[in-house]
Amino acid sequence: MSSLVQPGGDVAANLAANLAAVRDRIAAEAAAVGRDPRGVTLVAVSKVQPVEKLEAALTAGHRVFGENRVQEAKAKWPALKARHPDIELHLIGPLQTNKVKEAVALFDVIQTVDRPKLARELAAECRKQGRWPRFFVEVNTGLEPQKAGIPPAEVGAFLAACKAEYGLQIAGLMCIPPAEEEPALHFALLADLAKRHFVPGLSMGMSGDFDVAVRLGATHVRVGTSVFGERKAPPAMPGSGPEPDASRGA
């Protein structure tokens, strides 16, 4: 396990070491089940992280990041993307329909398509901007009433509607297992749904369980704490709406 970035330490060196340690664990888990580790993308979850740490991760060569809130990402990433055009930015938090225009303009991947109205508005905005991020459908594998996501039994119908009604191509499925349940059960369910519906991408696994997710077929793991260290409480963002589920990329 990596030694996490500590305040006052050498942020650049610690972050580089953390990234290397996480990549090594991904490679080991992939090798254990005969997978090519190059088929697993590490999404470094940078929500609530200062620009200093983002710069350190970029200096270490990392280019794929995840953010929970459109407003926070809009404040941090345009200048960095202008200097590093190969950055790939993922939205991993819930998307309000009034933020669709900004999300389509800023993000390269939107992992939280979770309802018909959002799919319809995303498709319309993509046509308007001429810009098509990749999209993942969020699946509520635990059927938790407080969480967003498509119920597993409705995934097939929703995927069909995304394609036929909205003109939205779906690149993957994403899930956040219930905190108190064995994540492997939910990862296996998501992998089965993806296989059954011919969806190539699987976004699953965070700092505490990404090793399990890699063994069960994850193509994207959302890792925050093991890369950046513990987070501080998020600042209030004007007009950002309700606070998203903090467990989306730990």
Protein backbone atom coordinates (compact mmCIF):
# COMPACT_ATOMS: atom_id res chain seq x y z
CA MET A 1 0.00 0.00 0.00
CA SER A 2 1.27 3.46 -0.86
CA SER A 3 2.15 6.08 1.70
CA LEU A 4 -0.49 8.70 1.12
CA VAL A 5 0.26 12.34 0.41
CA GLN A 6 0.84 14.19 3.68
CA PRO A 7 0.41 17.93 4.24
CA GLY A 8 3.74 19.69 4.19
CA GLY A 9 5.54 16.79 2.54
CA ASP A 10 6.87 16.49 -0.97
CA VAL A 11 3.51 16.47 -2.73
CA ALA A 12 4.91 15.69 -6.17
CA ALA A 13 7.04 12.77 -4.97
CA ASN A 14 4.27 11.33 -2.78
CA LEU A 15 1.68 11.58 -5.52
CA ALA A 16 3.96 9.92 -8.05
CA ALA A 17 4.58 7.11 -5.55
CA ASN A 18 0.86 6.73 -4.85
CA LEU A 19 0.01 6.54 -8.54
CA ALA A 20 2.74 3.97 -9.12
CA ALA A 21 1.52 1.87 -6.18
CA VAL A 22 -2.08 1.88 -7.43
CA ARG A 23 -0.99 1.00 -10.97
CA ASP A 24 1.13 -1.85 -9.59
CA ARG A 25 -1.86 -3.23 -7.69
CA ILE A 26 -4.03 -2.99 -10.82
CA ALA A 27 -1.37 -4.83 -12.82
CA ALA A 28 -1.04 -7.57 -10.19
CA GLU A 29 -4.79 -8.15 -9.94
CA ALA A 30 -5.19 -8.16 -13.72
CA ALA A 31 -2.33 -10.63 -14.13
CA ALA A 32 -3.86 -12.91 -11.49
CA VAL A 33 -6.92 -13.47 -13.72
CA GLY A 34 -5.12 -13.38 -17.05
CA ARG A 35 -6.12 -9.85 -18.00
CA ASP A 36 -4.00 -7.24 -19.75
CA PRO A 37 -3.61 -4.36 -17.24
CA ARG A 38 -3.69 -1.94 -20.15
CA GLY A 39 -7.40 -2.73 -20.33
CA VAL A 40 -7.98 -1.03 -16.96
CA THR A 41 -8.12 2.78 -16.81
CA LEU A 42 -7.27 4.43 -13.50
CA VAL A 43 -9.62 7.37 -12.99
CA ALA A 44 -7.92 9.51 -10.33
CA VAL A 45 -10.81 11.07 -8.41
CA SER A 46 -9.78 14.67 -7.92
CA LYS A 47 -12.93 16.08 -6.33
CA VAL A 48 -12.16 18.57 -3.54
CA GLN A 49 -8.44 18.36 -4.33
CA PRO A 50 -6.36 21.53 -4.72
CA VAL A 51 -4.76 22.43 -8.02
CA GLU A 52 -1.32 21.79 -6.47
CA LYS A 53 -2.11 18.08 -6.25
CA LEU A 54 -3.63 18.00 -9.73
CA GLU A 55 -0.47 19.58 -11.11
CA ALA A 56 1.63 16.99 -9.26
CA ALA A 57 -0.41 14.15 -10.77
CA LEU A 58 -0.05 15.68 -14.23
CA THR A 59 3.71 16.03 -13.72
CA ALA A 60 3.78 12.34 -12.82
CA GLY A 61 2.22 11.61 -16.21
CA HIS A 62 -1.35 10.86 -15.19
CA ARG A 63 -4.08 12.17 -17.47
CA VAL A 64 -7.44 10.61 -16.48
CA PHE A 65 -9.38 12.31 -13.67
CA GLY A 66 -12.86 12.16 -12.15
CA GLU A 67 -14.97 14.94 -10.66
CA ASN A 68 -18.29 14.82 -8.82
CA ARG A 69 -19.63 18.31 -9.49
CA VAL A 70 -19.85 20.30 -12.67
CA GLN A 71 -19.28 23.64 -10.96
CA GLU A 72 -16.15 22.49 -9.14
CA ALA A 73 -14.74 20.94 -12.31
CA LYS A 74 -15.49 24.11 -14.28
CA ALA A 75 -13.49 26.13 -11.75
CA LYS A 76 -10.44 23.82 -11.86
CA TRP A 77 -10.05 22.11 -15.20
CA PRO A 78 -10.37 24.41 -18.25
CA ALA A 79 -6.96 26.04 -17.66
CA LEU A 80 -5.33 22.66 -17.00
CA LYS A 81 -6.93 21.14 -20.12
CA ALA A 82 -5.70 24.09 -22.18
CA ARG A 83 -2.13 23.28 -21.09
CA HIS A 84 -2.57 19.49 -21.27
CA PRO A 85 -4.93 18.71 -24.20
CA ASP A 86 -4.63 14.97 -23.59
CA ILE A 87 -6.45 15.14 -20.24
CA GLU A 88 -9.54 12.91 -20.09
CA LEU A 89 -12.09 14.23 -17.59
CA HIS A 90 -14.88 12.00 -16.23
CA LEU A 91 -18.05 13.17 -14.49
CA ILE A 92 -18.74 10.58 -11.80
CA GLY A 93 -21.30 12.50 -9.73
CA PRO A 94 -25.02 13.02 -10.33
CA LEU A 95 -25.86 15.37 -13.18
CA GLN A 96 -28.70 17.87 -12.90
CA THR A 97 -30.43 18.67 -16.17
CA ASN A 98 -29.68 22.40 -15.74
CA LYS A 99 -25.95 21.54 -15.87
CA VAL A 100 -26.12 19.45 -19.07
CA LYS A 101 -24.80 22.21 -21.34
CA GLU A 102 -21.72 22.78 -19.17
CA ALA A 103 -21.14 19.05 -18.67
CA VAL A 104 -21.16 18.29 -22.39
CA ALA A 105 -18.72 21.14 -23.04
CA LEU A 106 -16.27 20.14 -20.30
CA PHE A 107 -16.30 16.38 -19.75
CA ASP A 108 -14.93 13.68 -22.03
CA VAL A 109 -16.84 10.91 -20.26
CA ILE A 110 -20.14 11.18 -18.34
CA GLN A 111 -20.56 8.10 -16.16
CA THR A 112 -23.90 8.89 -14.52
CA VAL A 113 -26.65 8.69 -17.13
CA ASP A 114 -29.43 7.53 -14.83
CA ARG A 115 -32.85 8.51 -16.21
CA PRO A 116 -34.66 9.02 -19.52
CA LYS A 117 -35.00 12.80 -19.20
CA LEU A 118 -31.26 13.19 -18.68
CA ALA A 119 -30.45 10.92 -21.64
CA ARG A 120 -32.77 12.92 -23.87
CA GLU A 121 -31.30 16.27 -22.85
CA LEU A 122 -27.73 15.03 -23.18
CA ALA A 123 -28.40 13.83 -26.71
CA ALA A 124 -30.01 17.14 -27.68
CA GLU A 125 -27.12 19.14 -26.21
CA CYS A 126 -24.52 16.95 -27.92
CA ARG A 127 -26.19 17.57 -31.28
CA LYS A 128 -26.29 21.29 -30.55
CA GLN A 129 -22.60 21.49 -29.58
CA GLY A 130 -21.36 18.91 -32.07
CA ARG A 131 -19.50 17.29 -29.20
CA TRP A 132 -20.12 13.73 -28.04
CA PRO A 133 -18.58 12.61 -24.75
CA ARG A 134 -18.65 8.89 -24.00
CA PHE A 135 -21.54 7.84 -21.78
CA PHE A 136 -21.96 5.22 -19.06
CA VAL A 137 -25.29 4.21 -17.54
CA GLU A 138 -25.36 4.22 -13.76
CA VAL A 139 -26.98 1.05 -12.41
CA ASN A 140 -28.46 0.90 -8.92
CA THR A 141 -27.33 -2.67 -8.27
CA GLY A 142 -28.44 -2.57 -4.64
CA LEU A 143 -31.89 -1.08 -5.39
CA GLU A 144 -31.18 1.57 -2.76
CA PRO A 145 -33.97 4.16 -2.68
CA GLN A 146 -31.60 7.01 -1.77
CA LYS A 147 -29.30 6.35 -4.74
CA ALA A 148 -29.69 7.24 -8.39
CA GLY A 149 -29.38 4.65 -11.11
CA ILE A 150 -31.33 2.32 -13.35
CA PRO A 151 -32.62 -0.86 -11.64
CA PRO A 152 -30.85 -3.94 -13.01
CA ALA A 153 -34.08 -5.37 -14.44
CA GLU A 154 -34.61 -2.20 -16.51
CA VAL A 155 -31.10 -1.85 -17.95
CA GLY A 156 -31.91 -3.56 -21.25
CA ALA A 157 -34.94 -1.38 -21.95
CA PHE A 158 -33.07 1.79 -20.98
CA LEU A 159 -30.10 0.95 -23.21
CA ALA A 160 -32.48 0.30 -26.11
CA ALA A 161 -34.22 3.64 -25.52
CA CYS A 162 -30.90 5.49 -25.35
CA LYS A 163 -30.02 4.17 -28.80
CA ALA A 164 -33.38 4.16 -30.57
CA GLU A 165 -35.18 7.14 -29.01
CA TYR A 166 -32.39 9.50 -27.96
CA GLY A 167 -29.58 8.60 -30.37
CA LEU A 168 -27.19 8.15 -27.45
CA GLN A 169 -24.47 5.52 -27.74
CA ILE A 170 -23.62 3.94 -24.38
CA ALA A 171 -20.00 2.93 -23.81
CA GLY A 172 -20.35 1.31 -20.40
CA LEU A 173 -22.14 0.65 -17.12
CA MET A 174 -21.22 2.06 -13.72
CA CYS A 175 -22.21 1.11 -10.17
CA ILE A 176 -21.68 2.05 -6.53
CA PRO A 177 -22.31 -0.99 -4.29
CA PRO A 178 -24.10 -0.53 -0.97
CA ALA A 179 -21.52 0.28 1.69
CA GLU A 180 -22.55 -2.58 3.97
CA GLU A 181 -22.63 -5.33 1.32
CA GLU A 182 -19.97 -7.46 -0.33
CA PRO A 183 -18.90 -5.44 -3.40
CA ALA A 184 -17.99 -8.55 -5.43
CA LEU A 185 -21.66 -9.49 -5.69
CA HIS A 186 -22.50 -6.12 -7.23
CA PHE A 187 -19.46 -6.09 -9.50
CA ALA A 188 -20.37 -9.55 -10.78
CA LEU A 189 -23.94 -8.42 -11.43
CA LEU A 190 -22.75 -5.35 -13.35
CA ALA A 191 -20.34 -7.47 -15.39
CA ASP A 192 -23.13 -9.89 -16.23
CA LEU A 193 -25.43 -7.05 -17.32
CA ALA A 194 -22.70 -5.59 -19.52
CA LYS A 195 -22.01 -8.96 -21.15
CA ARG A 196 -25.70 -9.67 -21.67
CA HIS A 197 -26.31 -6.31 -23.33
CA PHE A 198 -23.00 -6.10 -25.26
CA VAL A 199 -21.72 -3.04 -23.40
CA PRO A 200 -17.89 -2.93 -23.33
CA GLY A 201 -17.15 -0.60 -20.40
CA LEU A 202 -17.40 -1.36 -16.68
CA SER A 203 -16.74 1.45 -14.18
CA MET A 204 -16.58 -0.14 -10.74
CA GLY A 205 -14.23 -0.19 -7.78
CA MET A 206 -12.79 2.49 -5.51
CA SER A 207 -9.85 2.70 -3.09
CA GLY A 208 -11.18 -0.01 -0.78
CA ASP A 209 -12.22 -2.55 -3.40
CA PHE A 210 -10.71 -1.79 -6.81
CA ASP A 211 -8.62 -4.96 -6.61
CA VAL A 212 -11.82 -7.02 -6.52
CA ALA A 213 -13.29 -4.95 -9.34
CA VAL A 214 -10.27 -5.55 -11.57
CA ARG A 215 -10.54 -9.30 -11.02
CA LEU A 216 -14.20 -9.16 -12.03
CA GLY A 217 -13.63 -7.23 -15.24
CA ALA A 218 -13.54 -3.50 -14.46
CA THR A 219 -12.34 -1.37 -17.36
CA HIS A 220 -12.34 1.78 -15.19
CA VAL A 221 -11.63 2.09 -11.46
CA ARG A 222 -12.40 5.33 -9.60
CA VAL A 223 -9.66 5.85 -7.02
CA GLY A 224 -9.30 8.98 -4.93
CA THR A 225 -7.93 8.46 -1.42
CA SER A 226 -5.22 5.99 -2.45
CA VAL A 227 -3.93 8.55 -4.96
CA PHE A 228 -4.45 11.94 -3.32
CA GLY A 229 -4.77 11.16 0.38
CA GLU A 230 -7.69 11.97 2.67
CA ARG A 231 -10.05 14.69 1.52
CA LYS A 232 -11.08 17.82 3.36
CA ALA A 233 -14.74 18.78 3.57
CA PRO A 234 -15.90 20.11 0.18
CA PRO A 235 -16.34 23.86 -0.17
CA ALA A 236 -19.79 25.23 -0.90
CA MET A 237 -20.24 25.84 -4.61
CA PRO A 238 -22.79 28.49 -5.56
CA GLY A 239 -25.59 27.04 -7.67
CA SER A 240 -24.25 23.51 -7.39
CA GLY A 241 -27.41 21.97 -5.93
CA PRO A 242 -27.46 19.17 -3.37
CA GLU A 243 -24.23 17.53 -2.28
CA PRO A 244 -23.58 14.32 -4.23
CA ASP A 245 -22.95 10.92 -2.69
CA ALA A 246 -19.39 11.07 -1.34
CA SER A 247 -18.80 7.37 -2.00
CA ARG A 248 -18.70 7.72 -5.80
CA GLY A 249 -14.94 7.65 -6.03
CA ALA A 250 -13.08 7.02 -2.81
